Amino acid sequence: MHFLIKMRRKNRKIIFFFDKSFYFPKFWENINAKTCFFAIMLHRYLTYIVFLVILGIGERAQAQSLKNYAYHPTYIYNFCRFTQWPQNKTQITIGVLGNSPIQQGLQKMAATKSNYNLKFVVKRFNTVSEINGCDVLFVPYATNTDIKQVHQKIVGKSVMLITENEQQKEYACFNFIGVNGKLMYQINKSQCEKSNLKVSQKLYALSSPL
């Protein structure tokens, strides 16, 4: 139910419109001209509080996504989409080193994004020695693997190495980071060039400084 509050001052008429079903119905029913300004400020203040609460919930959800890899597969898909390999690819194999929750998300991404032009395949490598035949290699932070050994395994090959560790970014093409609870990424241009990968400027434009 809605109602109007009218204020007259000299020859001016000011009309305020409220929805009395919003915030304290009885209060709005008994409101008068003297308390109108207070009512407006209270309405704005409470709306702002609600907005902050919703925003806080969204930020906590994004922070949680850093741990459960909710958005990583989409990022990796775009890394592949906006990167040019030396040869035209009809299939991109994404390798995951060790046991990580990201593997399930990548498999869902592969099932939905694969088409007749480009197919995505996900493989798991339990150890560094098993790494072979992949175009993309994701090294989770939890693996605690010597990144130098991983790099030696793929050096000289056109493999997109992706990490999520600030101490490993010098060896990676892409490195995931958290900025104010949000998932971001860095691009190591030098490593991309050494891997013969041409990364689109679109990815550089959205990346965080290395």
C-alpha atoms as a PDB file:
ATOM      1  CA  MET A   1       0.000   0.000   0.000  1.00  0.00           C
ATOM      2  CA  HIS A   2       1.291   3.462  -0.860  1.00  0.00           C
ATOM      3  CA  PHE A   3       0.500   6.953   0.408  1.00  0.00           C
ATOM      4  CA  LEU A   4       1.500  10.552  -0.200  1.00  0.00           C
ATOM      5  CA  ILE A   5       2.851  13.104   2.261  1.00  0.00           C
ATOM      6  CA  LYS A   6       2.193  16.711   1.302  1.00  0.00           C
ATOM      7  CA  MET A   7       4.028  19.730   2.670  1.00  0.00           C
ATOM      8  CA  ARG A   8       3.041  23.324   1.964  1.00  0.00           C
ATOM      9  CA  ARG A   9       5.450  26.190   2.502  1.00  0.00           C
ATOM     10  CA  LYS A  10       4.230  29.565   1.285  1.00  0.00           C
ATOM     11  CA  ASN A  11       3.314  28.949  -2.351  1.00  0.00           C
ATOM     12  CA  ARG A  12       5.362  25.814  -2.758  1.00  0.00           C
ATOM     13  CA  LYS A  13       3.917  22.351  -2.519  1.00  0.00           C
ATOM     14  CA  ILE A  14       6.263  19.421  -1.923  1.00  0.00           C
ATOM     15  CA  ILE A  15       4.982  15.894  -2.399  1.00  0.00           C
ATOM     16  CA  PHE A  16       6.796  12.831  -1.080  1.00  0.00           C
ATOM     17  CA  PHE A  17       5.921   9.318  -2.124  1.00  0.00           C
ATOM     18  CA  PHE A  18       6.513   6.305   0.128  1.00  0.00           C
ATOM     19  CA  ASP A  19       5.765   2.647   0.195  1.00  0.00           C
ATOM     20  CA  LYS A  20       4.489   2.088   3.737  1.00  0.00           C
ATOM     21  CA  SER A  21       5.144  -1.621   3.472  1.00  0.00           C
ATOM     22  CA  PHE A  22       8.876  -0.792   3.578  1.00  0.00           C
ATOM     23  CA  TYR A  23      10.514  -0.300   6.987  1.00  0.00           C
ATOM     24  CA  PHE A  24       8.246   0.058  10.049  1.00  0.00           C
ATOM     25  CA  PRO A  25       4.686   0.360   8.592  1.00  0.00           C
ATOM     26  CA  LYS A  26       3.115   1.912  11.730  1.00  0.00           C
ATOM     27  CA  PHE A  27       5.781   4.580  11.807  1.00  0.00           C
ATOM     28  CA  TRP A  28       4.988   5.662   8.270  1.00  0.00           C
ATOM     29  CA  GLU A  29       1.227   5.747   8.974  1.00  0.00           C
ATOM     30  CA  ASN A  30       1.671   8.275  11.801  1.00  0.00           C
ATOM     31  CA  ILE A  31       4.231  10.421  10.048  1.00  0.00           C
ATOM     32  CA  ASN A  32       3.604  14.193   9.722  1.00  0.00           C
ATOM     33  CA  ALA A  33       5.247  17.101   8.001  1.00  0.00           C
ATOM     34  CA  LYS A  34       7.555  17.890  10.927  1.00  0.00           C
ATOM     35  CA  THR A  35       9.114  14.442  10.863  1.00  0.00           C
ATOM     36  CA  CYS A  36       9.167  14.105   7.072  1.00  0.00           C
ATOM     37  CA  PHE A  37      12.820  15.105   6.687  1.00  0.00           C
ATOM     38  CA  PHE A  38      13.847  12.700   9.431  1.00  0.00           C
ATOM     39  CA  ALA A  39      11.837   9.938   7.760  1.00  0.00           C
ATOM     40  CA  ILE A  40      13.561  10.494   4.431  1.00  0.00           C
ATOM     41  CA  MET A  41      17.032  10.379   6.009  1.00  0.00           C
ATOM     42  CA  LEU A  42      16.125   7.258   7.969  1.00  0.00           C
ATOM     43  CA  HIS A  43      14.845   5.603   4.809  1.00  0.00           C
ATOM     44  CA  ARG A  44      18.092   6.387   2.988  1.00  0.00           C
ATOM     45  CA  TYR A  45      20.211   5.274   5.914  1.00  0.00           C
ATOM     46  CA  LEU A  46      18.453   1.926   6.241  1.00  0.00           C
ATOM     47  CA  THR A  47      18.649   1.375   2.486  1.00  0.00           C
ATOM     48  CA  TYR A  48      22.387   2.051   2.639  1.00  0.00           C
ATOM     49  CA  ILE A  49      22.789  -0.419   5.495  1.00  0.00           C
ATOM     50  CA  VAL A  50      20.953  -3.100   3.514  1.00  0.00           C
ATOM     51  CA  PHE A  51      23.207  -2.381   0.521  1.00  0.00           C
ATOM     52  CA  LEU A  52      26.349  -2.775   2.649  1.00  0.00           C
ATOM     53  CA  VAL A  53      25.094  -6.077   4.056  1.00  0.00           C
ATOM     54  CA  ILE A  54      24.411  -7.437   0.569  1.00  0.00           C
ATOM     55  CA  LEU A  55      27.800  -6.192  -0.641  1.00  0.00           C
ATOM     56  CA  GLY A  56      29.527  -7.855   2.287  1.00  0.00           C
ATOM     57  CA  ILE A  57      27.832 -11.166   1.527  1.00  0.00           C
ATOM     58  CA  GLY A  58      28.970 -10.902  -2.104  1.00  0.00           C
ATOM     59  CA  GLU A  59      32.564 -10.191  -1.092  1.00  0.00           C
ATOM     60  CA  ARG A  60      32.598 -13.149   1.304  1.00  0.00           C
ATOM     61  CA  ALA A  61      31.249 -15.359  -1.494  1.00  0.00           C
ATOM     62  CA  GLN A  62      34.016 -14.200  -3.813  1.00  0.00           C
ATOM     63  CA  ALA A  63      36.631 -14.732  -1.123  1.00  0.00           C
ATOM     64  CA  GLN A  64      35.329 -18.261  -0.637  1.00  0.00           C
ATOM     65  CA  SER A  65      35.596 -18.838  -4.396  1.00  0.00           C
ATOM     66  CA  LEU A  66      39.365 -18.381  -4.099  1.00  0.00           C
ATOM     67  CA  LYS A  67      39.424 -21.593  -2.088  1.00  0.00           C
ATOM     68  CA  ASN A  68      36.881 -23.692  -3.942  1.00  0.00           C
ATOM     69  CA  TYR A  69      38.003 -22.707  -7.481  1.00  0.00           C
ATOM     70  CA  ALA A  70      34.533 -21.601  -8.551  1.00  0.00           C
ATOM     71  CA  TYR A  71      35.791 -19.075 -11.113  1.00  0.00           C
ATOM     72  CA  HIS A  72      39.229 -20.442 -12.041  1.00  0.00           C
ATOM     73  CA  PRO A  73      37.947 -22.684 -14.879  1.00  0.00           C
ATOM     74  CA  THR A  74      36.276 -19.718 -16.585  1.00  0.00           C
ATOM     75  CA  TYR A  75      39.484 -17.708 -16.370  1.00  0.00           C
ATOM     76  CA  ILE A  76      41.510 -20.603 -17.771  1.00  0.00           C
ATOM     77  CA  TYR A  77      39.019 -20.997 -20.608  1.00  0.00           C
ATOM     78  CA  ASN A  78      39.539 -17.341 -21.521  1.00  0.00           C
ATOM     79  CA  PHE A  79      43.316 -17.711 -21.235  1.00  0.00           C
ATOM     80  CA  CYS A  80      43.076 -20.431 -23.878  1.00  0.00           C
ATOM     81  CA  ARG A  81      40.555 -18.559 -25.976  1.00  0.00           C
ATOM     82  CA  PHE A  82      42.630 -15.382 -26.206  1.00  0.00           C
ATOM     83  CA  THR A  83      46.033 -17.003 -26.649  1.00  0.00           C
ATOM     84  CA  GLN A  84      47.565 -18.082 -29.945  1.00  0.00           C
ATOM     85  CA  TRP A  85      49.680 -21.238 -30.032  1.00  0.00           C
ATOM     86  CA  PRO A  86      52.375 -21.803 -32.708  1.00  0.00           C
ATOM     87  CA  GLN A  87      50.086 -24.321 -34.429  1.00  0.00           C
ATOM     88  CA  ASN A  88      46.338 -24.145 -34.849  1.00  0.00           C
ATOM     89  CA  LYS A  89      44.669 -26.153 -32.098  1.00  0.00           C
ATOM     90  CA  THR A  90      41.652 -28.401 -32.538  1.00  0.00           C
ATOM     91  CA  GLN A  91      42.180 -29.799 -29.032  1.00  0.00           C
ATOM     92  CA  ILE A  92      43.636 -28.232 -25.896  1.00  0.00           C
ATOM     93  CA  THR A  93      44.714 -30.568 -23.122  1.00  0.00           C
ATOM     94  CA  ILE A  94      44.677 -29.030 -19.651  1.00  0.00           C
ATOM     95  CA  GLY A  95      46.827 -30.815 -17.103  1.00  0.00           C
ATOM     96  CA  VAL A  96      46.413 -30.499 -13.328  1.00  0.00           C
ATOM     97  CA  LEU A  97      49.319 -31.414 -11.093  1.00  0.00           C
ATOM     98  CA  GLY A  98      48.173 -33.315  -8.018  1.00  0.00           C
ATOM     99  CA  ASN A  99      44.737 -33.694  -6.474  1.00  0.00           C
ATOM    100  CA  SER A 100      42.805 -30.422  -6.618  1.00  0.00           C
ATOM    101  CA  PRO A 101      39.115 -29.370  -6.553  1.00  0.00           C
ATOM    102  CA  ILE A 102      39.760 -27.392  -9.729  1.00  0.00           C
ATOM    103  CA  GLN A 103      39.778 -30.599 -11.755  1.00  0.00           C
ATOM    104  CA  GLN A 104      36.021 -31.079 -11.392  1.00  0.00           C
ATOM    105  CA  GLY A 105      35.368 -27.496 -12.444  1.00  0.00           C
ATOM    106  CA  LEU A 106      37.650 -27.849 -15.450  1.00  0.00           C
ATOM    107  CA  GLN A 107      35.866 -31.009 -16.524  1.00  0.00           C
ATOM    108  CA  LYS A 108      32.513 -29.183 -16.417  1.00  0.00           C
ATOM    109  CA  MET A 109      34.035 -26.354 -18.419  1.00  0.00           C
ATOM    110  CA  ALA A 110      35.412 -28.826 -20.976  1.00  0.00           C
ATOM    111  CA  ALA A 111      31.993 -30.472 -21.340  1.00  0.00           C
ATOM    112  CA  THR A 112      30.191 -27.167 -21.954  1.00  0.00           C
ATOM    113  CA  LYS A 113      32.797 -25.248 -23.980  1.00  0.00           C
ATOM    114  CA  SER A 114      34.032 -27.980 -26.314  1.00  0.00           C
ATOM    115  CA  ASN A 115      32.720 -27.810 -29.880  1.00  0.00           C
ATOM    116  CA  TYR A 116      33.597 -29.117 -33.323  1.00  0.00           C
ATOM    117  CA  ASN A 117      36.247 -26.395 -33.738  1.00  0.00           C
ATOM    118  CA  LEU A 118      37.986 -26.830 -30.400  1.00  0.00           C
ATOM    119  CA  LYS A 119      37.841 -29.608 -27.836  1.00  0.00           C
ATOM    120  CA  PHE A 120      39.040 -29.385 -24.233  1.00  0.00           C
ATOM    121  CA  VAL A 121      40.484 -32.396 -22.417  1.00  0.00           C
ATOM    122  CA  VAL A 122      41.469 -32.483 -18.738  1.00  0.00           C
ATOM    123  CA  LYS A 123      44.220 -34.725 -17.389  1.00  0.00           C
ATOM    124  CA  ARG A 124      45.612 -35.250 -13.904  1.00  0.00           C
ATOM    125  CA  PHE A 125      49.300 -35.757 -13.191  1.00  0.00           C
ATOM    126  CA  ASN A 126      50.151 -37.177  -9.786  1.00  0.00           C
ATOM    127  CA  THR A 127      53.862 -36.408 -10.016  1.00  0.00           C
ATOM    128  CA  VAL A 128      56.137 -34.129 -12.012  1.00  0.00           C
ATOM    129  CA  SER A 129      57.556 -37.119 -13.890  1.00  0.00           C
ATOM    130  CA  GLU A 130      54.082 -37.880 -15.299  1.00  0.00           C
ATOM    131  CA  ILE A 131      53.719 -34.474 -16.954  1.00  0.00           C
ATOM    132  CA  ASN A 132      53.457 -34.996 -20.689  1.00  0.00           C
ATOM    133  CA  GLY A 133      51.295 -34.113 -23.660  1.00  0.00           C
ATOM    134  CA  CYS A 134      49.495 -31.060 -22.261  1.00  0.00           C
ATOM    135  CA  ASP A 135      49.019 -27.571 -23.642  1.00  0.00           C
ATOM    136  CA  VAL A 136      48.068 -25.998 -20.323  1.00  0.00           C
ATOM    137  CA  LEU A 137      49.435 -27.010 -16.921  1.00  0.00           C
ATOM    138  CA  PHE A 138      47.883 -25.799 -13.687  1.00  0.00           C
ATOM    139  CA  VAL A 139      49.958 -26.130 -10.524  1.00  0.00           C
ATOM    140  CA  PRO A 140      47.793 -25.664  -7.382  1.00  0.00           C
ATOM    141  CA  TYR A 141      49.266 -23.929  -4.380  1.00  0.00           C
ATOM    142  CA  ALA A 142      48.577 -26.984  -2.204  1.00  0.00           C
ATOM    143  CA  THR A 143      50.880 -29.257  -4.194  1.00  0.00           C
ATOM    144  CA  ASN A 144      54.007 -27.790  -2.566  1.00  0.00           C
ATOM    145  CA  THR A 145      55.921 -28.841  -5.671  1.00  0.00           C
ATOM    146  CA  ASP A 146      59.314 -27.467  -6.633  1.00  0.00           C
ATOM    147  CA  ILE A 147      58.276 -25.216  -9.494  1.00  0.00           C
ATOM    148  CA  LYS A 148      61.783 -25.377 -10.932  1.00  0.00           C
ATOM    149  CA  GLN A 149      61.344 -29.099 -11.564  1.00  0.00           C
ATOM    150  CA  VAL A 150      58.007 -28.452 -13.232  1.00  0.00           C
ATOM    151  CA  HIS A 151      59.526 -25.747 -15.392  1.00  0.00           C
ATOM    152  CA  GLN A 152      62.384 -28.011 -16.449  1.00  0.00           C
ATOM    153  CA  LYS A 153      59.835 -30.619 -17.497  1.00  0.00           C
ATOM    154  CA  ILE A 154      58.108 -28.285 -19.950  1.00  0.00           C
ATOM    155  CA  VAL A 155      60.930 -25.917 -20.949  1.00  0.00           C
ATOM    156  CA  GLY A 156      61.207 -25.503 -24.704  1.00  0.00           C
ATOM    157  CA  LYS A 157      57.599 -26.588 -25.205  1.00  0.00           C
ATOM    158  CA  SER A 158      54.573 -24.444 -25.944  1.00  0.00           C
ATOM    159  CA  VAL A 159      52.914 -25.101 -22.608  1.00  0.00           C
ATOM    160  CA  MET A 160      50.932 -22.481 -20.738  1.00  0.00           C
ATOM    161  CA  LEU A 161      52.019 -22.849 -17.113  1.00  0.00           C
ATOM    162  CA  ILE A 162      49.498 -21.467 -14.619  1.00  0.00           C
ATOM    163  CA  THR A 163      50.231 -21.097 -10.908  1.00  0.00           C
ATOM    164  CA  GLU A 164      48.654 -19.454  -7.851  1.00  0.00           C
ATOM    165  CA  ASN A 165      51.731 -18.648  -5.839  1.00  0.00           C
ATOM    166  CA  GLU A 166      53.593 -15.346  -5.756  1.00  0.00           C
ATOM    167  CA  GLN A 167      56.870 -17.226  -5.322  1.00  0.00           C
ATOM    168  CA  GLN A 168      56.274 -19.194  -8.533  1.00  0.00           C
ATOM    169  CA  LYS A 169      55.111 -16.434 -10.862  1.00  0.00           C
ATOM    170  CA  GLU A 170      58.532 -15.922 -12.440  1.00  0.00           C
ATOM    171  CA  TYR A 171      58.233 -19.383 -14.028  1.00  0.00           C
ATOM    172  CA  ALA A 172      54.560 -19.161 -14.975  1.00  0.00           C
ATOM    173  CA  CYS A 173      52.739 -17.611 -17.912  1.00  0.00           C
ATOM    174  CA  PHE A 174      49.740 -16.806 -15.717  1.00  0.00           C
ATOM    175  CA  ASN A 175      49.536 -16.550 -11.943  1.00  0.00           C
ATOM    176  CA  PHE A 176      46.299 -16.305  -9.935  1.00  0.00           C
ATOM    177  CA  ILE A 177      46.201 -13.912  -7.005  1.00  0.00           C
ATOM    178  CA  GLY A 178      43.610 -12.609  -4.569  1.00  0.00           C
ATOM    179  CA  VAL A 179      43.085  -8.836  -4.454  1.00  0.00           C
ATOM    180  CA  ASN A 180      40.723  -7.604  -1.723  1.00  0.00           C
ATOM    181  CA  GLY A 181      38.996 -10.967  -1.711  1.00  0.00           C
ATOM    182  CA  LYS A 182      38.589 -11.018  -5.501  1.00  0.00           C
ATOM    183  CA  LEU A 183      40.189 -13.423  -7.949  1.00  0.00           C
ATOM    184  CA  MET A 184      42.675 -11.722 -10.278  1.00  0.00           C
ATOM    185  CA  TYR A 185      45.590 -12.839 -12.426  1.00  0.00           C
ATOM    186  CA  GLN A 186      49.040 -11.737 -13.489  1.00  0.00           C
ATOM    187  CA  ILE A 187      50.732 -12.308 -16.853  1.00  0.00           C
ATOM    188  CA  ASN A 188      54.425 -13.008 -17.201  1.00  0.00           C
ATOM    189  CA  LYS A 189      55.058 -11.733 -20.715  1.00  0.00           C
ATOM    190  CA  SER A 190      58.610 -13.052 -20.767  1.00  0.00           C
ATOM    191  CA  GLN A 191      57.542 -16.633 -20.035  1.00  0.00           C
ATOM    192  CA  CYS A 192      54.711 -16.424 -22.575  1.00  0.00           C
ATOM    193  CA  GLU A 193      57.183 -15.413 -25.254  1.00  0.00           C
ATOM    194  CA  LYS A 194      59.602 -18.176 -24.262  1.00  0.00           C
ATOM    195  CA  SER A 195      56.728 -20.645 -24.645  1.00  0.00           C
ATOM    196  CA  ASN A 196      55.874 -19.179 -28.079  1.00  0.00           C
ATOM    197  CA  LEU A 197      52.453 -18.097 -26.865  1.00  0.00           C
ATOM    198  CA  LYS A 198      50.922 -14.873 -28.161  1.00  0.00           C
ATOM    199  CA  VAL A 199      48.595 -13.500 -25.508  1.00  0.00           C
ATOM    200  CA  SER A 200      45.879 -11.088 -26.578  1.00  0.00           C
ATOM    201  CA  GLN A 201      45.976  -7.510 -25.368  1.00  0.00           C
ATOM    202  CA  LYS A 202      42.488  -8.099 -23.976  1.00  0.00           C
ATOM    203  CA  LEU A 203      43.997 -10.351 -21.304  1.00  0.00           C
ATOM    204  CA  TYR A 204      46.780  -7.885 -20.541  1.00  0.00           C
ATOM    205  CA  ALA A 205      44.252  -5.087 -20.128  1.00  0.00           C
ATOM    206  CA  LEU A 206      42.399  -6.965 -17.378  1.00  0.00           C
ATOM    207  CA  SER A 207      45.454  -8.344 -15.577  1.00  0.00           C
ATOM    208  CA  SER A 208      47.078  -7.164 -12.357  1.00  0.00           C
ATOM    209  CA  PRO A 209      50.657  -5.846 -12.328  1.00  0.00           C
ATOM    210  CA  LEU A 210      53.267  -8.573 -12.089  1.00  0.00           C
END
